[in-house]
Amino acid sequence: MEWETVLGLEIHAQLATNSKIFSGASTAYGAEPNTQACEVDLGLPGVLPVLNKEVVRMAVKFGLAIDAQIDEFSVFARKNYFYPDLPKGYQISQFEKPIIGLGFTDIEVEEGKPIRVGITRAHLEEDAGKSLHEDYQGMTGIDLNRAGTPLLEIVSEPDMRSPQEAVAYMKKIHSIVRYIGICDGNMAEGSFRCDANVSIRPKGQEELGTRTELKNINSFKNVEKAINYEVERQIDVLESGGTITQETRLYDADKDETRSMRSKEEANDYRYFPDPDLLPVQISQKLLDEVRQTLPELPDARKQRFIEALALSAYDAGLLTADRELADYFETCMKAAENDTKITANWVNGELSAALNKENKSIAESPLSAKQLGQLVLRIKDNTISGKIAKQVFAALWAGEGDSADSIIEAKGLKQMSDSGELEALVDEVINANPGQVEQYRAGKTKVMGFFVGQIMKNTGGKANPGQINQILKTKLDA
């Protein structure tokens, strides 16, 4: 039987506030366990939560970014369940009346073939604490620092049909929340993670299959691997005559497998009811207008501008605009290179990105400033150096051997040879030394031209101007 995968994601984005959603406790990462959980976070008797206004503004900002319905009236509810890391015995969340309603975003897995993914809702809630199992023989440690940290839970429609689409969607939401500055997107610190709802059905069937939920996946790579494993597991179960149990499962990245955690709860299991300590949230038109004014140019709009105004390919534009800091770097670099777009894009997407990936650095950690790389591009453009020599200059700048491309070119004597008389002499020398290759060229084997160019570049240490060399060679060989 041919099976179809049906996927939906619930993404948890930690909002980039300095204090928690209902208290003044710090949200800073990395503090000693249980040093950033105050009386409100712990739910001690007599304390009352107070809503952080900045959390509301950030949620509204996301709603505007995805062209979603923003509810004028939303309500906080208590979601009741009992875990050791949930000190109050309930989580303050939103249920029937979330702050953000229906919206959408478009993704691409194949270039030029957009897929629209519906967003059901985005609601505000507080995070729970964290259970720690390592270094505790037969026991569990509890760190409540995260208790009360503000989250925006973004729930998609089941519109994705492959792990690749799920990864593309997760990357798109990651890009949007970072562009608008409401989440740092740091997956290693738990600032951005997702639960994946996975089901399969016979191809052509309208009715959805029984779903399982894969909890707390915190990398793009693991989302794809977890879904792949779970889909294969469900196919094996059904094709062997079994049935899928609706449950919550954990993905173990070390073993590359999912395993059952607990049966999947329904909403009534949590006994939701409006929180009596919190007033309903009312969104005014004034607040909407204020927040709309703070929206930056969003990824899709920036990509389109790069294609139309800068004549970049859709592929290059997509790579450059996926990350706001990278797009800013590119534009600064381009201006330093006197508005060259193509060579600049090639270097940012190529040499720079490869060097960053190799050392696992973000664009913000690049040893080269955008202006330094822009000056290097300018020296390629004005034929001061060749593309090959430029890689040597880039490596020296990366290693901190100089503060500019010009200083390195001067110190290492890398300036390109462009004197026509000198180049002609080099060409004559190589032609005279290789009569066999000359005969091959004149017999119609024009690819041998590459041999001559290679010999000259080798003899000059890559400093000969390749454009001039090609022109001189062709003239002499055709004579």
Protein backbone atom coordinates (compact mmCIF):
# COMPACT_ATOMS: atom_id res chain seq x y z
CA MET A 1 0.00 0.00 0.00
CA GLU A 2 1.15 3.54 -0.72
CA TRP A 3 1.05 5.75 2.36
CA GLU A 4 0.79 9.52 2.75
CA THR A 5 2.41 11.33 5.68
CA VAL A 6 0.44 14.08 7.42
CA LEU A 7 2.35 16.48 9.70
CA GLY A 8 1.65 19.42 11.94
CA LEU A 9 4.09 21.25 14.23
CA GLU A 10 3.63 22.97 17.57
CA ILE A 11 6.56 25.37 17.88
CA HIS A 12 7.52 26.89 21.24
CA ALA A 13 9.37 30.20 20.86
CA GLN A 14 10.76 31.72 24.06
CA LEU A 15 10.02 35.43 23.98
CA ALA A 16 13.06 37.67 24.35
CA THR A 17 11.97 39.60 27.43
CA ASN A 18 14.26 40.39 30.35
CA SER A 19 11.71 39.21 32.90
CA LYS A 20 9.17 36.41 33.06
CA ILE A 21 5.61 36.44 31.81
CA PHE A 22 3.94 36.95 35.23
CA SER A 23 6.80 38.05 37.51
CA GLY A 24 9.89 40.24 37.61
CA ALA A 25 12.31 37.29 37.85
CA SER A 26 15.12 37.21 35.29
CA THR A 27 14.97 35.05 32.15
CA ALA A 28 18.78 35.06 31.66
CA TYR A 29 20.19 31.70 30.60
CA GLY A 30 22.84 29.78 32.51
CA ALA A 31 22.23 30.77 36.16
CA GLU A 32 22.75 28.32 39.00
CA PRO A 33 19.74 26.00 39.45
CA ASN A 34 16.78 27.44 41.34
CA THR A 35 18.22 30.95 41.66
CA GLN A 36 15.80 32.64 39.22
CA ALA A 37 12.45 31.35 40.43
CA CYS A 38 10.62 33.83 42.65
CA GLU A 39 7.53 33.41 44.84
CA VAL A 40 5.17 34.07 41.89
CA ASP A 41 6.89 31.44 39.70
CA LEU A 42 6.63 28.93 42.53
CA GLY A 43 2.96 29.71 43.19
CA LEU A 44 3.45 30.33 46.91
CA PRO A 45 0.30 31.19 48.91
CA GLY A 46 -0.83 34.81 48.70
CA VAL A 47 1.07 35.80 45.52
CA LEU A 48 -0.60 37.10 42.36
CA PRO A 49 0.64 36.99 38.74
CA VAL A 50 0.96 40.28 36.82
CA LEU A 51 1.08 40.10 33.00
CA ASN A 52 4.24 41.40 31.32
CA LYS A 53 3.04 43.95 28.72
CA GLU A 54 6.04 43.34 26.46
CA VAL A 55 4.95 39.71 26.05
CA VAL A 56 1.65 40.91 24.58
CA ARG A 57 3.40 43.32 22.20
CA MET A 58 5.67 40.51 20.96
CA ALA A 59 2.74 38.17 20.34
CA VAL A 60 0.92 40.89 18.40
CA LYS A 61 4.08 41.52 16.37
CA PHE A 62 4.19 37.87 15.34
CA GLY A 63 0.50 37.93 14.43
CA LEU A 64 1.04 40.92 12.15
CA ALA A 65 4.10 39.25 10.57
CA ILE A 66 2.05 36.20 9.47
CA ASP A 67 -1.00 38.23 8.47
CA ALA A 68 -3.05 36.50 11.18
CA GLN A 69 -6.26 37.32 12.95
CA ILE A 70 -5.40 39.14 16.19
CA ASP A 71 -8.16 38.68 18.73
CA GLU A 72 -9.30 41.86 20.42
CA PHE A 73 -10.20 39.83 23.50
CA SER A 74 -8.15 36.88 24.82
CA VAL A 75 -8.16 34.95 28.09
CA PHE A 76 -5.57 33.15 30.19
CA ALA A 77 -6.54 29.72 31.51
CA ARG A 78 -5.15 27.19 33.96
CA LYS A 79 -3.99 23.94 32.42
CA ASN A 80 -3.97 21.41 35.26
CA TYR A 81 -1.47 18.56 35.41
CA PHE A 82 0.95 17.24 37.97
CA TYR A 83 4.66 16.98 37.21
CA PRO A 84 7.55 17.49 39.64
CA ASP A 85 8.83 20.45 37.59
CA LEU A 86 5.45 22.25 37.63
CA PRO A 87 5.41 23.78 41.12
CA LYS A 88 1.88 25.25 41.02
CA GLY A 89 0.24 22.03 39.78
CA TYR A 90 -1.03 23.96 36.77
CA GLN A 91 0.39 25.94 33.86
CA ILE A 92 -1.01 29.34 32.92
CA SER A 93 -1.75 29.15 29.20
CA GLN A 94 -4.47 30.13 26.73
CA PHE A 95 -7.11 27.73 25.46
CA GLU A 96 -10.46 28.78 23.99
CA LYS A 97 -9.52 32.41 23.38
CA PRO A 98 -5.87 32.68 22.22
CA ILE A 99 -4.31 36.02 21.36
CA ILE A 100 -3.50 35.04 17.72
CA GLY A 101 -5.96 33.24 15.46
CA LEU A 102 -5.75 31.97 11.88
CA GLY A 103 -2.73 32.94 9.79
CA PHE A 104 -0.33 31.37 7.30
CA THR A 105 3.18 31.28 5.92
CA ASP A 106 4.60 30.04 2.61
CA ILE A 107 7.51 27.63 2.36
CA GLU A 108 9.57 26.16 -0.50
CA VAL A 109 11.10 22.70 -0.66
CA GLU A 110 11.60 22.79 -4.43
CA GLU A 111 12.59 26.16 -5.89
CA GLY A 112 9.67 28.01 -7.40
CA LYS A 113 7.01 25.71 -5.87
CA PRO A 114 5.59 27.46 -2.79
CA ILE A 115 3.49 25.53 -0.29
CA ARG A 116 1.11 27.40 2.00
CA VAL A 117 1.03 26.18 5.59
CA GLY A 118 -1.90 27.34 7.68
CA ILE A 119 -1.32 28.48 11.24
CA THR A 120 -4.23 27.56 13.49
CA ARG A 121 -3.31 29.75 16.43
CA ALA A 122 -0.49 31.20 18.49
CA HIS A 123 -1.04 31.50 22.21
CA LEU A 124 0.91 32.79 25.20
CA GLU A 125 1.89 30.57 28.10
CA GLU A 126 4.48 30.12 30.83
CA ASP A 127 7.18 27.47 30.64
CA ALA A 128 7.59 24.76 33.27
CA GLY A 129 10.81 23.94 35.10
CA LYS A 130 13.23 21.24 34.05
CA SER A 131 13.78 17.71 35.32
CA LEU A 132 17.44 16.66 35.42
CA HIS A 133 18.31 12.97 35.28
CA GLU A 134 22.08 12.99 34.81
CA ASP A 135 24.39 12.76 37.84
CA TYR A 136 21.52 11.70 40.11
CA GLN A 137 21.73 7.96 40.75
CA GLY A 138 18.18 6.72 41.00
CA MET A 139 16.86 10.23 41.57
CA THR A 140 15.74 13.27 39.57
CA GLY A 141 16.90 16.85 40.14
CA ILE A 142 14.51 19.76 39.61
CA ASP A 143 15.64 23.17 38.29
CA LEU A 144 12.83 25.73 38.38
CA ASN A 145 14.73 28.60 36.73
CA ARG A 146 12.66 28.22 33.53
CA ALA A 147 9.35 28.21 35.43
CA GLY A 148 7.41 31.27 34.26
CA THR A 149 9.56 31.96 31.20
CA PRO A 150 7.30 33.45 28.48
CA LEU A 151 6.53 31.22 25.49
CA LEU A 152 4.58 31.75 22.29
CA GLU A 153 3.23 28.40 21.12
CA ILE A 154 2.64 28.44 17.36
CA VAL A 155 0.33 25.66 16.18
CA SER A 156 0.21 24.76 12.48
CA GLU A 157 -2.52 23.08 10.47
CA PRO A 158 -1.70 19.47 9.38
CA ASP A 159 -0.64 20.81 5.96
CA MET A 160 2.82 19.26 5.59
CA ARG A 161 3.38 15.98 3.78
CA SER A 162 7.08 15.22 4.26
CA PRO A 163 9.85 15.67 6.84
CA GLN A 164 11.52 18.10 4.40
CA GLU A 165 8.40 20.30 4.39
CA ALA A 166 8.32 20.21 8.20
CA VAL A 167 11.96 21.34 8.38
CA ALA A 168 11.32 24.11 5.82
CA TYR A 169 8.34 25.32 7.86
CA MET A 170 10.28 25.24 11.13
CA LYS A 171 13.14 27.19 9.51
CA LYS A 172 10.67 29.74 8.17
CA ILE A 173 9.11 30.36 11.60
CA HIS A 174 12.61 30.47 13.09
CA SER A 175 13.56 33.13 10.53
CA ILE A 176 10.41 35.21 11.16
CA VAL A 177 10.70 35.30 14.97
CA ARG A 178 14.37 36.32 14.69
CA TYR A 179 13.67 38.95 12.01
CA ILE A 180 11.07 40.64 14.19
CA GLY A 181 13.25 40.34 17.30
CA ILE A 182 10.87 38.44 19.57
CA CYS A 183 13.03 35.30 20.04
CA ASP A 184 16.76 34.64 19.79
CA GLY A 185 16.07 31.22 18.23
CA ASN A 186 18.83 29.52 20.23
CA MET A 187 17.92 25.83 20.02
CA ALA A 188 20.80 24.64 22.19
CA GLU A 189 19.44 26.75 25.07
CA GLY A 190 15.84 25.63 24.48
CA SER A 191 14.65 29.01 23.18
CA PHE A 192 13.14 27.43 20.07
CA ARG A 193 11.83 23.87 19.99
CA CYS A 194 8.90 21.96 18.62
CA ASP A 195 6.52 19.05 19.07
CA ALA A 196 5.69 17.16 15.87
CA ASN A 197 2.27 15.58 15.31
CA VAL A 198 2.75 12.63 12.95
CA SER A 199 0.18 10.39 11.25
CA ILE A 200 -0.10 8.38 8.06
CA ARG A 201 -3.04 7.37 5.86
CA PRO A 202 -3.52 5.43 2.63
CA LYS A 203 -2.83 7.71 -0.33
CA GLY A 204 -6.07 9.27 -1.54
CA GLN A 205 -7.92 8.86 1.76
CA GLU A 206 -9.44 12.08 3.18
CA GLU A 207 -9.78 10.94 6.78
CA LEU A 208 -6.75 11.57 8.96
CA GLY A 209 -4.95 8.69 10.63
CA THR A 210 -4.29 8.35 14.36
CA ARG A 211 -1.49 10.72 15.32
CA THR A 212 1.38 10.52 17.73
CA GLU A 213 3.13 13.54 19.21
CA LEU A 214 6.94 13.70 19.28
CA LYS A 215 7.94 15.99 22.16
CA ASN A 216 10.57 18.70 22.56
CA ILE A 217 12.74 18.38 19.44
CA ASN A 218 15.35 21.12 19.41
CA SER A 219 17.17 20.95 16.07
CA PHE A 220 16.22 20.98 12.39
CA LYS A 221 18.22 17.80 11.80
CA ASN A 222 16.45 15.94 14.61
CA VAL A 223 13.00 17.01 13.40
CA GLU A 224 13.68 15.33 10.06
CA LYS A 225 15.21 12.21 11.62
CA ALA A 226 12.47 11.84 14.25
CA ILE A 227 9.67 12.14 11.69
CA ASN A 228 11.38 9.71 9.31
CA TYR A 229 11.70 7.13 12.08
CA GLU A 230 8.14 7.59 13.33
CA VAL A 231 6.62 7.34 9.84
CA GLU A 232 8.48 4.08 9.19
CA ARG A 233 7.43 2.77 12.61
CA GLN A 234 3.75 3.55 11.94
CA ILE A 235 3.89 1.92 8.50
CA ASP A 236 5.43 -1.23 10.03
CA VAL A 237 2.72 -1.36 12.70
CA LEU A 238 -0.16 -0.97 10.24
CA GLU A 239 1.25 -3.31 7.60
CA SER A 240 1.74 -6.01 10.22
CA GLY A 241 -1.94 -5.78 11.20
CA GLY A 242 -1.57 -3.57 14.28
CA THR A 243 -3.13 -0.23 15.17
CA ILE A 244 -1.55 3.11 16.04
CA THR A 245 -2.05 4.28 19.62
CA GLN A 246 -2.57 7.99 20.14
CA GLU A 247 0.28 8.83 22.48
CA THR A 248 3.14 11.15 23.28
CA ARG A 249 6.55 9.81 22.26
CA LEU A 250 10.11 10.92 22.93
CA TYR A 251 12.77 11.02 20.21
CA ASP A 252 16.15 9.65 21.34
CA ALA A 253 18.74 11.22 19.03
CA ASP A 254 21.55 8.94 20.26
CA LYS A 255 19.63 5.79 19.33
CA ASP A 256 17.70 7.43 16.45
CA GLU A 257 14.39 6.06 17.65
CA THR A 258 11.14 7.18 19.25
CA ARG A 259 9.71 5.56 22.35
CA SER A 260 6.45 5.88 24.23
CA MET A 261 6.27 8.40 27.09
CA ARG A 262 2.57 8.44 27.96
CA SER A 263 -0.89 8.19 26.44
CA LYS A 264 -1.90 11.36 24.63
CA GLU A 265 -4.12 13.57 26.75
CA GLU A 266 -7.18 15.36 25.42
CA ALA A 267 -8.14 18.91 26.40
CA ASN A 268 -10.65 17.71 29.01
CA ASP A 269 -7.87 15.81 30.79
CA TYR A 270 -6.31 19.15 31.68
CA ARG A 271 -9.55 20.63 33.15
CA TYR A 272 -8.96 24.05 31.61
CA PHE A 273 -10.73 26.98 33.23
CA PRO A 274 -10.14 30.78 33.12
CA ASP A 275 -7.45 31.89 35.54
CA PRO A 276 -9.25 33.84 38.28
CA ASP A 277 -6.16 35.92 39.07
CA LEU A 278 -5.72 37.39 35.57
CA LEU A 279 -7.96 39.82 33.73
CA PRO A 280 -8.82 39.20 30.06
CA VAL A 281 -6.39 40.83 27.61
CA GLN A 282 -7.86 43.51 25.36
CA ILE A 283 -5.92 44.61 22.26
CA SER A 284 -6.62 48.18 21.19
CA GLN A 285 -6.30 49.56 17.67
CA LYS A 286 -3.72 51.98 19.06
CA LEU A 287 -1.50 49.07 20.18
CA LEU A 288 -1.89 47.35 16.80
CA ASP A 289 -0.84 50.55 14.99
CA GLU A 290 2.13 51.08 17.31
CA VAL A 291 3.40 47.53 16.86
CA ARG A 292 2.85 47.60 13.09
CA GLN A 293 5.20 50.61 12.90
CA THR A 294 8.00 48.52 14.45
CA LEU A 295 7.84 45.68 11.90
CA PRO A 296 11.02 45.34 9.81
CA GLU A 297 11.16 44.22 6.18
CA LEU A 298 10.22 40.54 6.47
CA PRO A 299 12.10 37.60 4.85
CA ASP A 300 9.75 37.09 1.88
CA ALA A 301 9.65 40.81 1.04
CA ARG A 302 13.42 41.13 1.38
CA LYS A 303 13.98 38.09 -0.83
CA GLN A 304 11.72 39.57 -3.51
CA ARG A 305 13.59 42.89 -3.35
CA PHE A 306 16.94 41.12 -3.73
CA ILE A 307 15.59 39.34 -6.83
CA GLU A 308 13.96 42.36 -8.45
CA ALA A 309 16.20 45.28 -7.42
CA LEU A 310 19.57 43.50 -7.13
CA ALA A 311 19.07 40.96 -9.97
CA LEU A 312 20.06 38.03 -7.75
CA SER A 313 18.83 34.51 -8.45
CA ALA A 314 15.98 33.19 -6.30
CA TYR A 315 18.43 30.67 -4.84
CA ASP A 316 21.03 33.28 -3.81
CA ALA A 317 18.36 35.64 -2.50
CA GLY A 318 16.81 32.82 -0.44
CA LEU A 319 20.11 31.94 1.20
CA LEU A 320 20.94 35.56 1.98
CA THR A 321 17.57 36.49 3.48
CA ALA A 322 16.94 33.39 5.61
CA ASP A 323 18.81 35.09 8.45
CA ARG A 324 18.34 38.81 9.18
CA GLU A 325 21.94 39.31 10.37
CA LEU A 326 23.29 37.63 7.22
CA ALA A 327 21.09 39.81 5.00
CA ASP A 328 22.29 42.93 6.85
CA TYR A 329 25.91 41.77 6.47
CA PHE A 330 25.41 41.23 2.74
CA GLU A 331 23.92 44.68 2.17
CA THR A 332 26.75 46.41 4.08
CA CYS A 333 29.31 44.32 2.18
CA MET A 334 27.67 45.16 -1.15
CA LYS A 335 27.82 48.91 -0.45
CA ALA A 336 31.52 48.62 0.48
CA ALA A 337 32.04 46.87 -2.88
CA GLU A 338 30.49 49.85 -4.70
CA ASN A 339 27.12 48.11 -5.09
CA ASP A 340 28.43 44.95 -6.72
CA THR A 341 25.77 42.30 -6.17
CA LYS A 342 26.80 39.09 -7.91
CA ILE A 343 30.44 38.78 -6.77
CA THR A 344 29.44 39.87 -3.26
CA ALA A 345 26.64 37.27 -3.11
CA ASN A 346 29.03 34.56 -4.35
CA TRP A 347 31.55 35.37 -1.61
CA VAL A 348 29.01 35.67 1.21
CA ASN A 349 27.17 32.48 0.22
CA GLY A 350 30.39 30.68 -0.70
CA GLU A 351 33.73 31.31 1.00
CA LEU A 352 32.36 33.18 4.03
CA SER A 353 29.52 30.75 4.78
CA ALA A 354 31.85 27.75 4.36
CA ALA A 355 34.37 29.24 6.81
CA LEU A 356 31.62 30.02 9.34
CA ASN A 357 30.17 26.50 9.06
CA LYS A 358 33.58 24.89 9.43
CA GLU A 359 34.17 26.67 12.74
CA ASN A 360 30.50 26.54 13.81
CA LYS A 361 30.29 30.33 14.04
CA SER A 362 27.31 32.60 13.47
CA ILE A 363 27.55 35.60 11.15
CA ALA A 364 27.76 37.81 14.24
CA GLU A 365 30.98 35.96 15.19
CA SER A 366 32.66 36.39 11.80
CA PRO A 367 36.32 37.51 12.10
CA LEU A 368 35.76 39.52 8.88
CA SER A 369 33.59 42.59 9.02
CA ALA A 370 31.22 43.25 6.12
CA LYS A 371 33.35 46.26 5.10
CA GLN A 372 36.52 44.15 5.02
CA LEU A 373 34.92 41.57 2.75
CA GLY A 374 33.43 44.35 0.62
CA GLN A 375 36.90 45.82 0.06
CA LEU A 376 38.18 42.38 -0.94
CA VAL A 377 35.37 42.05 -3.50
CA LEU A 378 36.27 45.51 -4.82
CA ARG A 379 39.87 44.38 -5.44
CA ILE A 380 38.58 41.42 -7.47
CA LYS A 381 36.26 43.71 -9.38
CA ASP A 382 38.99 46.24 -10.30
CA ASN A 383 41.41 43.42 -11.26
CA THR A 384 43.90 44.22 -8.51
CA ILE A 385 43.81 40.50 -7.64
CA SER A 386 42.38 37.37 -9.24
CA GLY A 387 39.66 35.23 -7.68
CA LYS A 388 42.27 32.62 -6.81
CA ILE A 389 44.55 35.11 -5.05
CA ALA A 390 41.48 36.56 -3.31
CA LYS A 391 41.09 33.24 -1.47
CA GLN A 392 44.60 33.68 -0.04
CA VAL A 393 43.72 37.22 1.06
CA PHE A 394 40.46 35.97 2.61
CA ALA A 395 42.33 33.28 4.57
CA ALA A 396 44.81 35.88 5.86
CA LEU A 397 42.01 38.24 6.92
CA TRP A 398 40.20 35.34 8.62
CA ALA A 399 43.38 34.48 10.53
CA GLY A 400 43.80 38.13 11.61
CA GLU A 401 47.04 38.69 9.68
CA GLY A 402 45.96 42.16 8.58
CA ASP A 403 43.21 44.69 9.04
CA SER A 404 42.32 45.12 5.35
CA ALA A 405 42.59 43.40 1.98
CA ASP A 406 44.84 46.21 0.72
CA SER A 407 47.36 45.80 3.55
CA ILE A 408 47.60 42.03 2.97
CA ILE A 409 47.92 42.42 -0.83
CA GLU A 410 50.73 44.92 -0.30
CA ALA A 411 52.55 42.97 2.44
CA LYS A 412 52.46 39.67 0.55
CA GLY A 413 53.07 41.10 -2.94
CA LEU A 414 49.86 39.61 -4.34
CA LYS A 415 48.91 42.34 -6.80
CA GLN A 416 47.83 40.89 -10.12
CA MET A 417 50.18 41.14 -13.12
CA SER A 418 48.43 43.21 -15.78
CA ASP A 419 51.32 44.60 -17.82
CA SER A 420 50.57 43.45 -21.37
CA GLY A 421 54.21 43.30 -22.47
CA GLU A 422 55.17 41.16 -19.50
CA LEU A 423 52.19 38.86 -20.04
CA GLU A 424 52.95 38.46 -23.75
CA ALA A 425 56.46 37.31 -22.89
CA LEU A 426 55.03 34.72 -20.49
CA VAL A 427 52.60 33.47 -23.13
CA ASP A 428 55.36 33.16 -25.74
CA GLU A 429 57.48 31.20 -23.27
CA VAL A 430 54.73 28.66 -22.57
CA ILE A 431 53.77 28.31 -26.26
CA ASN A 432 57.37 27.72 -27.30
CA ALA A 433 57.85 25.13 -24.53
CA ASN A 434 54.77 23.08 -25.54
CA PRO A 435 54.66 22.56 -29.33
CA GLY A 436 52.63 19.34 -28.99
CA GLN A 437 49.78 21.15 -27.25
CA VAL A 438 49.97 23.94 -29.86
CA GLU A 439 49.37 21.33 -32.60
CA GLN A 440 46.44 19.87 -30.66
CA TYR A 441 44.86 23.33 -30.41
CA ARG A 442 45.30 24.01 -34.11
CA ALA A 443 43.81 20.59 -34.86
CA GLY A 444 40.59 21.74 -33.22
CA LYS A 445 41.11 20.56 -29.64
CA THR A 446 40.37 23.98 -28.14
CA LYS A 447 40.03 22.61 -24.58
CA VAL A 448 43.82 22.49 -24.46
CA MET A 449 43.61 26.28 -23.89
CA GLY A 450 43.07 25.44 -20.21
CA PHE A 451 46.45 23.71 -20.15
CA PHE A 452 48.26 26.86 -21.33
CA VAL A 453 46.40 29.08 -18.86
CA GLY A 454 47.20 26.66 -16.05
CA GLN A 455 50.93 26.67 -16.94
CA ILE A 456 51.07 30.46 -16.94
CA MET A 457 49.17 30.76 -13.64
CA LYS A 458 51.52 28.16 -12.14
CA ASN A 459 54.59 30.06 -13.35
CA THR A 460 53.30 33.34 -11.90
CA GLY A 461 51.98 31.95 -8.62
CA GLY A 462 48.44 32.74 -9.74
CA LYS A 463 49.19 36.46 -10.13
CA ALA A 464 48.67 36.78 -13.90
CA ASN A 465 45.42 38.42 -14.99
CA PRO A 466 43.45 35.42 -16.36
CA GLY A 467 41.25 37.55 -18.62
CA GLN A 468 44.24 39.13 -20.33
CA ILE A 469 46.07 35.80 -20.51
CA ASN A 470 43.13 34.17 -22.29
CA GLN A 471 42.89 37.02 -24.79
CA ILE A 472 46.64 37.05 -25.57
CA LEU A 473 46.77 33.23 -25.82
CA LYS A 474 43.85 33.06 -28.24
CA THR A 475 45.33 35.77 -30.46
CA LYS A 476 48.72 34.06 -30.65
CA LEU A 477 47.42 30.48 -31.05
CA ASP A 478 44.98 31.53 -33.77
CA ALA A 479 47.69 33.46 -35.68
